[in-house]
Amino acid sequence: LIQQRTEARANKDWAESDRIRDLLREQGVILE
């Protein structure tokens, strides 16, 4: 999922990046 988020950020797809970050947070994982 982090790899997917990195690709989304590279494509400036901020909505997808935020979705993955929030999804992981809900599952008890914090991204830094």
All heavy atoms as atom14 arrays in JSON, in Angstrom:
{
  "sequence": "LIQQRTEARANKDWAESDRIRDLLREQGVILE",
  "atom14_mask": [
    [1, 1, 1, 1, 1, 1, 1, 1, 0, 0, 0, 0, 0, 0],
    [1, 1, 1, 1, 1, 1, 1, 1, 0, 0, 0, 0, 0, 0],
    [1, 1, 1, 1, 1, 1, 1, 1, 1, 0, 0, 0, 0, 0],
    [1, 1, 1, 1, 1, 1, 1, 1, 1, 0, 0, 0, 0, 0],
    [1, 1, 1, 1, 1, 1, 1, 1, 1, 1, 1, 0, 0, 0],
    [1, 1, 1, 1, 1, 1, 1, 0, 0, 0, 0, 0, 0, 0],
    [1, 1, 1, 1, 1, 1, 1, 1, 1, 0, 0, 0, 0, 0],
    [1, 1, 1, 1, 1, 0, 0, 0, 0, 0, 0, 0, 0, 0],
    [1, 1, 1, 1, 1, 1, 1, 1, 1, 1, 1, 0, 0, 0],
    [1, 1, 1, 1, 1, 0, 0, 0, 0, 0, 0, 0, 0, 0],
    [1, 1, 1, 1, 1, 1, 1, 1, 0, 0, 0, 0, 0, 0],
    [1, 1, 1, 1, 1, 1, 1, 1, 1, 0, 0, 0, 0, 0],
    [1, 1, 1, 1, 1, 1, 1, 1, 0, 0, 0, 0, 0, 0],
    [1, 1, 1, 1, 1, 1, 1, 1, 1, 1, 1, 1, 1, 1],
    [1, 1, 1, 1, 1, 0, 0, 0, 0, 0, 0, 0, 0, 0],
    [1, 1, 1, 1, 1, 1, 1, 1, 1, 0, 0, 0, 0, 0],
    [1, 1, 1, 1, 1, 1, 0, 0, 0, 0, 0, 0, 0, 0],
    [1, 1, 1, 1, 1, 1, 1, 1, 0, 0, 0, 0, 0, 0],
    [1, 1, 1, 1, 1, 1, 1, 1, 1, 1, 1, 0, 0, 0],
    [1, 1, 1, 1, 1, 1, 1, 1, 0, 0, 0, 0, 0, 0],
    [1, 1, 1, 1, 1, 1, 1, 1, 1, 1, 1, 0, 0, 0],
    [1, 1, 1, 1, 1, 1, 1, 1, 0, 0, 0, 0, 0, 0],
    [1, 1, 1, 1, 1, 1, 1, 1, 0, 0, 0, 0, 0, 0],
    [1, 1, 1, 1, 1, 1, 1, 1, 0, 0, 0, 0, 0, 0],
    [1, 1, 1, 1, 1, 1, 1, 1, 1, 1, 1, 0, 0, 0],
    [1, 1, 1, 1, 1, 1, 1, 1, 1, 0, 0, 0, 0, 0],
    [1, 1, 1, 1, 1, 1, 1, 1, 1, 0, 0, 0, 0, 0],
    [1, 1, 1, 1, 0, 0, 0, 0, 0, 0, 0, 0, 0, 0],
    [1, 1, 1, 1, 1, 1, 1, 0, 0, 0, 0, 0, 0, 0],
    [1, 1, 1, 1, 1, 1, 1, 1, 0, 0, 0, 0, 0, 0],
    [1, 1, 1, 1, 1, 1, 1, 1, 0, 0, 0, 0, 0, 0],
    [1, 1, 1, 1, 1, 1, 1, 1, 1, 0, 0, 0, 0, 0]
  ],
  "atom14_positions": [
    [[0.83, -1.21, 0.0], [0.0, 0.0, 0.0], [0.87, 1.26, 0.0], [0.52, 2.26, -0.65], [-0.93, 0.0, 1.21], [-2.12, -0.96, 1.13], [-2.82, -1.09, 2.48], [-3.12, -0.48, 0.06], [0.0, 0.0, 0.0], [0.0, 0.0, 0.0], [0.0, 0.0, 0.0], [0.0, 0.0, 0.0], [0.0, 0.0, 0.0], [0.0, 0.0, 0.0]],
    [[1.98, 1.22, 0.7], [2.89, 2.38, 0.69], [3.44, 2.6, -0.71], [3.57, 3.75, -1.18], [4.02, 2.19, 1.72], [3.45, 2.28, 3.14], [5.13, 3.21, 1.51], [4.46, 1.98, 4.23], [0.0, 0.0, 0.0], [0.0, 0.0, 0.0], [0.0, 0.0, 0.0], [0.0, 0.0, 0.0], [0.0, 0.0, 0.0], [0.0, 0.0, 0.0]],
    [[3.74, 1.51, -1.42], [4.24, 1.64, -2.79], [3.16, 2.26, -3.68], [3.45, 3.15, -4.5], [4.66, 0.27, -3.33], [5.19, 0.29, -4.76], [6.41, 1.18, -4.91], [7.24, 1.26, -4.01], [6.5, 1.87, -6.05], [0.0, 0.0, 0.0], [0.0, 0.0, 0.0], [0.0, 0.0, 0.0], [0.0, 0.0, 0.0], [0.0, 0.0, 0.0]],
    [[1.92, 1.82, -3.49], [0.82, 2.42, -4.27], [0.7, 3.91, -3.95], [0.47, 4.74, -4.85], [-0.49, 1.71, -3.95], [-0.59, 0.28, -4.44], [-1.88, -0.39, -4.0], [-2.91, 0.28, -3.83], [-1.85, -1.7, -3.82], [0.0, 0.0, 0.0], [0.0, 0.0, 0.0], [0.0, 0.0, 0.0], [0.0, 0.0, 0.0], [0.0, 0.0, 0.0]],
    [[0.85, 4.26, -2.7], [0.74, 5.67, -2.3], [1.89, 6.48, -2.88], [1.7, 7.63, -3.32], [0.73, 5.77, -0.77], [0.61, 7.2, -0.26], [0.43, 7.19, 1.26], [0.36, 8.54, 1.8], [1.41, 9.22, 2.26], [2.62, 8.67, 2.23], [1.25, 10.44, 2.73], [0.0, 0.0, 0.0], [0.0, 0.0, 0.0], [0.0, 0.0, 0.0]],
    [[3.09, 5.9, -2.88], [4.24, 6.6, -3.47], [4.0, 6.89, -4.95], [4.3, 7.99, -5.45], [5.51, 5.76, -3.29], [5.74, 5.54, -1.89], [6.73, 6.44, -3.9], [0.0, 0.0, 0.0], [0.0, 0.0, 0.0], [0.0, 0.0, 0.0], [0.0, 0.0, 0.0], [0.0, 0.0, 0.0], [0.0, 0.0, 0.0], [0.0, 0.0, 0.0]],
    [[3.44, 5.92, -5.67], [3.14, 6.12, -7.1], [2.06, 7.18, -7.28], [2.14, 8.02, -8.2], [2.7, 4.79, -7.72], [3.81, 3.75, -7.78], [3.31, 2.37, -8.16], [2.07, 2.23, -8.39], [4.13, 1.43, -8.22], [0.0, 0.0, 0.0], [0.0, 0.0, 0.0], [0.0, 0.0, 0.0], [0.0, 0.0, 0.0], [0.0, 0.0, 0.0]],
    [[1.06, 7.17, -6.38], [0.0, 8.18, -6.47], [0.58, 9.57, -6.23], [0.21, 10.54, -6.92], [-1.09, 7.88, -5.44], [0.0, 0.0, 0.0], [0.0, 0.0, 0.0], [0.0, 0.0, 0.0], [0.0, 0.0, 0.0], [0.0, 0.0, 0.0], [0.0, 0.0, 0.0], [0.0, 0.0, 0.0], [0.0, 0.0, 0.0], [0.0, 0.0, 0.0]],
    [[1.49, 9.7, -5.28], [2.11, 11.0, -5.0], [2.95, 11.45, -6.17], [2.98, 12.64, -6.52], [2.95, 10.9, -3.73], [2.11, 10.84, -2.45], [2.92, 10.36, -1.26], [4.0, 11.26, -0.92], [3.88, 12.32, -0.12], [2.69, 12.61, 0.41], [4.91, 13.08, 0.16], [0.0, 0.0, 0.0], [0.0, 0.0, 0.0], [0.0, 0.0, 0.0]],
    [[3.65, 10.49, -6.8], [4.46, 10.85, -7.98], [3.58, 11.36, -9.11], [3.98, 12.22, -9.9], [5.27, 9.64, -8.43], [0.0, 0.0, 0.0], [0.0, 0.0, 0.0], [0.0, 0.0, 0.0], [0.0, 0.0, 0.0], [0.0, 0.0, 0.0], [0.0, 0.0, 0.0], [0.0, 0.0, 0.0], [0.0, 0.0, 0.0], [0.0, 0.0, 0.0]],
    [[2.34, 10.84, -9.2], [1.39, 11.27, -10.24], [0.52, 12.44, -9.77], [-0.45, 12.8, -10.46], [0.48, 10.09, -10.63], [1.25, 8.97, -11.29], [2.24, 9.21, -11.99], [0.81, 7.73, -11.06], [0.0, 0.0, 0.0], [0.0, 0.0, 0.0], [0.0, 0.0, 0.0], [0.0, 0.0, 0.0], [0.0, 0.0, 0.0], [0.0, 0.0, 0.0]],
    [[0.87, 12.98, -8.58], [0.12, 14.11, -8.01], [-1.36, 13.77, -7.77], [-2.22, 14.63, -7.85], [0.26, 15.37, -8.87], [1.7, 15.82, -9.07], [1.77, 17.16, -9.77], [3.21, 17.56, -10.07], [4.09, 17.54, -8.89], [0.0, 0.0, 0.0], [0.0, 0.0, 0.0], [0.0, 0.0, 0.0], [0.0, 0.0, 0.0], [0.0, 0.0, 0.0]],
    [[-1.6, 12.49, -7.52], [-2.96, 12.05, -7.21], [-3.11, 12.11, -5.68], [-3.06, 11.1, -4.97], [-3.18, 10.63, -7.73], [-4.63, 10.17, -7.58], [-5.41, 10.88, -6.92], [-4.96, 9.1, -8.13], [0.0, 0.0, 0.0], [0.0, 0.0, 0.0], [0.0, 0.0, 0.0], [0.0, 0.0, 0.0], [0.0, 0.0, 0.0], [0.0, 0.0, 0.0]],
    [[-3.29, 13.33, -5.19], [-3.29, 13.54, -3.74], [-4.49, 12.87, -3.06], [-4.38, 12.44, -1.9], [-3.27, 15.03, -3.44], [-2.18, 15.76, -4.16], [-2.32, 16.77, -5.06], [-0.77, 15.51, -4.07], [-1.09, 17.18, -5.54], [-0.12, 16.41, -4.94], [0.02, 14.61, -3.35], [1.26, 16.45, -5.11], [1.39, 14.63, -3.51], [2.0, 15.54, -4.37]],
    [[-5.59, 12.77, -3.75], [-6.77, 12.14, -3.17], [-6.49, 10.65, -2.87], [-6.84, 10.13, -1.8], [-7.97, 12.27, -4.08], [0.0, 0.0, 0.0], [0.0, 0.0, 0.0], [0.0, 0.0, 0.0], [0.0, 0.0, 0.0], [0.0, 0.0, 0.0], [0.0, 0.0, 0.0], [0.0, 0.0, 0.0], [0.0, 0.0, 0.0], [0.0, 0.0, 0.0]],
    [[-5.86, 9.97, -3.84], [-5.52, 8.56, -3.64], [-4.47, 8.41, -2.54], [-4.54, 7.49, -1.71], [-5.01, 7.96, -4.94], [-4.55, 6.51, -4.84], [-5.67, 5.53, -4.49], [-6.85, 5.94, -4.42], [-5.36, 4.34, -4.3], [0.0, 0.0, 0.0], [0.0, 0.0, 0.0], [0.0, 0.0, 0.0], [0.0, 0.0, 0.0], [0.0, 0.0, 0.0]],
    [[-3.51, 9.32, -2.52], [-2.48, 9.29, -1.49], [-3.11, 9.42, -0.1], [-2.78, 8.65, 0.82], [-1.48, 10.43, -1.7], [-0.6, 10.55, -0.6], [0.0, 0.0, 0.0], [0.0, 0.0, 0.0], [0.0, 0.0, 0.0], [0.0, 0.0, 0.0], [0.0, 0.0, 0.0], [0.0, 0.0, 0.0], [0.0, 0.0, 0.0], [0.0, 0.0, 0.0]],
    [[-4.04, 10.36, 0.04], [-4.7, 10.55, 1.33], [-5.58, 9.36, 1.69], [-5.68, 8.97, 2.87], [-5.55, 11.83, 1.3], [-4.69, 13.09, 1.26], [-3.47, 12.98, 1.48], [-5.25, 14.17, 0.97], [0.0, 0.0, 0.0], [0.0, 0.0, 0.0], [0.0, 0.0, 0.0], [0.0, 0.0, 0.0], [0.0, 0.0, 0.0], [0.0, 0.0, 0.0]],
    [[-6.22, 8.78, 0.69], [-7.09, 7.62, 0.95], [-6.28, 6.47, 1.53], [-6.7, 5.83, 2.52], [-7.77, 7.17, -0.36], [-8.79, 6.04, -0.14], [-9.22, 5.43, -1.46], [-8.15, 4.64, -2.06], [-7.83, 3.39, -1.69], [-8.49, 2.79, -0.71], [-6.85, 2.76, -2.3], [0.0, 0.0, 0.0], [0.0, 0.0, 0.0], [0.0, 0.0, 0.0]],
    [[-5.11, 6.19, 0.95], [-4.28, 5.09, 1.44], [-3.75, 5.39, 2.83], [-3.75, 4.53, 3.73], [-3.12, 4.82, 0.45], [-3.68, 4.31, -0.88], [-2.13, 3.82, 1.05], [-2.64, 4.19, -1.96], [0.0, 0.0, 0.0], [0.0, 0.0, 0.0], [0.0, 0.0, 0.0], [0.0, 0.0, 0.0], [0.0, 0.0, 0.0], [0.0, 0.0, 0.0]],
    [[-3.34, 6.65, 3.05], [-2.85, 7.03, 4.38], [-3.95, 6.83, 5.43], [-3.72, 6.28, 6.51], [-2.42, 8.49, 4.35], [-1.89, 9.02, 5.7], [-1.93, 10.53, 5.73], [-3.3, 11.03, 5.57], [-3.61, 12.22, 5.08], [-2.67, 13.06, 4.68], [-4.88, 12.59, 4.97], [0.0, 0.0, 0.0], [0.0, 0.0, 0.0], [0.0, 0.0, 0.0]],
    [[-5.17, 7.28, 5.1], [-6.28, 7.17, 6.06], [-6.68, 5.71, 6.27], [-7.04, 5.31, 7.39], [-7.49, 7.97, 5.56], [-7.2, 9.47, 5.55], [-6.23, 9.89, 6.21], [-7.94, 10.21, 4.86], [0.0, 0.0, 0.0], [0.0, 0.0, 0.0], [0.0, 0.0, 0.0], [0.0, 0.0, 0.0], [0.0, 0.0, 0.0], [0.0, 0.0, 0.0]],
    [[-6.63, 4.92, 5.2], [-6.96, 3.5, 5.3], [-6.0, 2.8, 6.26], [-6.42, 2.02, 7.14], [-6.89, 2.84, 3.92], [-7.04, 1.31, 3.9], [-8.43, 0.89, 4.37], [-6.76, 0.77, 2.49], [0.0, 0.0, 0.0], [0.0, 0.0, 0.0], [0.0, 0.0, 0.0], [0.0, 0.0, 0.0], [0.0, 0.0, 0.0], [0.0, 0.0, 0.0]],
    [[-4.71, 3.09, 6.12], [-3.73, 2.47, 7.0], [-3.88, 2.96, 8.44], [-3.73, 2.17, 9.39], [-2.31, 2.74, 6.48], [-1.93, 1.94, 5.23], [-0.62, 2.43, 4.65], [-1.82, 0.45, 5.56], [0.0, 0.0, 0.0], [0.0, 0.0, 0.0], [0.0, 0.0, 0.0], [0.0, 0.0, 0.0], [0.0, 0.0, 0.0], [0.0, 0.0, 0.0]],
    [[-4.21, 4.24, 8.61], [-4.4, 4.75, 9.96], [-5.55, 4.01, 10.65], [-5.47, 3.67, 11.83], [-4.68, 6.25, 9.93], [-4.84, 6.83, 11.35], [-5.22, 8.3, 11.33], [-4.13, 9.11, 10.86], [-4.21, 9.99, 9.85], [-5.35, 10.13, 9.19], [-3.18, 10.72, 9.51], [0.0, 0.0, 0.0], [0.0, 0.0, 0.0], [0.0, 0.0, 0.0]],
    [[-6.63, 3.77, 9.9], [-7.77, 3.05, 10.46], [-7.38, 1.63, 10.88], [-8.0, 1.06, 11.79], [-8.9, 2.98, 9.44], [-9.57, 4.32, 9.16], [-10.52, 4.24, 7.98], [-10.67, 3.12, 7.42], [-11.1, 5.28, 7.61], [0.0, 0.0, 0.0], [0.0, 0.0, 0.0], [0.0, 0.0, 0.0], [0.0, 0.0, 0.0], [0.0, 0.0, 0.0]],
    [[-6.36, 1.09, 10.24], [-5.91, -0.26, 10.56], [-4.74, -0.26, 11.56], [-4.09, -1.28, 11.76], [-5.5, -0.98, 9.26], [-6.67, -1.16, 8.3], [-6.26, -1.83, 7.0], [-5.08, -2.01, 6.72], [-7.24, -2.2, 6.19], [0.0, 0.0, 0.0], [0.0, 0.0, 0.0], [0.0, 0.0, 0.0], [0.0, 0.0, 0.0], [0.0, 0.0, 0.0]],
    [[-4.48, 0.89, 12.16], [-3.47, 0.97, 13.21], [-2.06, 1.17, 12.71], [-1.1, 0.82, 13.41], [0.0, 0.0, 0.0], [0.0, 0.0, 0.0], [0.0, 0.0, 0.0], [0.0, 0.0, 0.0], [0.0, 0.0, 0.0], [0.0, 0.0, 0.0], [0.0, 0.0, 0.0], [0.0, 0.0, 0.0], [0.0, 0.0, 0.0], [0.0, 0.0, 0.0]],
    [[-1.91, 1.75, 11.52], [-0.58, 1.98, 10.94], [-0.42, 3.47, 10.66], [-1.25, 4.08, 10.0], [-0.39, 1.18, 9.64], [0.97, 1.47, 9.02], [-0.55, -0.32, 9.9], [0.0, 0.0, 0.0], [0.0, 0.0, 0.0], [0.0, 0.0, 0.0], [0.0, 0.0, 0.0], [0.0, 0.0, 0.0], [0.0, 0.0, 0.0], [0.0, 0.0, 0.0]],
    [[0.65, 4.05, 11.18], [0.94, 5.47, 11.0], [2.07, 5.63, 9.99], [3.13, 5.0, 10.13], [1.35, 6.13, 12.33], [0.24, 5.97, 13.37], [1.68, 7.61, 12.13], [-1.07, 6.61, 13.0], [0.0, 0.0, 0.0], [0.0, 0.0, 0.0], [0.0, 0.0, 0.0], [0.0, 0.0, 0.0], [0.0, 0.0, 0.0], [0.0, 0.0, 0.0]],
    [[1.84, 6.46, 8.97], [2.87, 6.76, 7.97], [3.57, 8.06, 8.35], [2.94, 9.01, 8.81], [2.25, 6.9, 6.58], [1.47, 5.69, 6.05], [1.05, 5.92, 4.61], [2.29, 4.41, 6.17], [0.0, 0.0, 0.0], [0.0, 0.0, 0.0], [0.0, 0.0, 0.0], [0.0, 0.0, 0.0], [0.0, 0.0, 0.0], [0.0, 0.0, 0.0]],
    [[4.88, 8.08, 8.12], [5.67, 9.28, 8.42], [6.55, 9.58, 7.21], [7.46, 8.82, 6.89], [6.51, 9.04, 9.68], [5.65, 8.83, 10.92], [6.4, 8.25, 12.11], [7.49, 7.67, 11.9], [5.92, 8.38, 13.24], [0.0, 0.0, 0.0], [0.0, 0.0, 0.0], [0.0, 0.0, 0.0], [0.0, 0.0, 0.0], [0.0, 0.0, 0.0]]
  ]
}
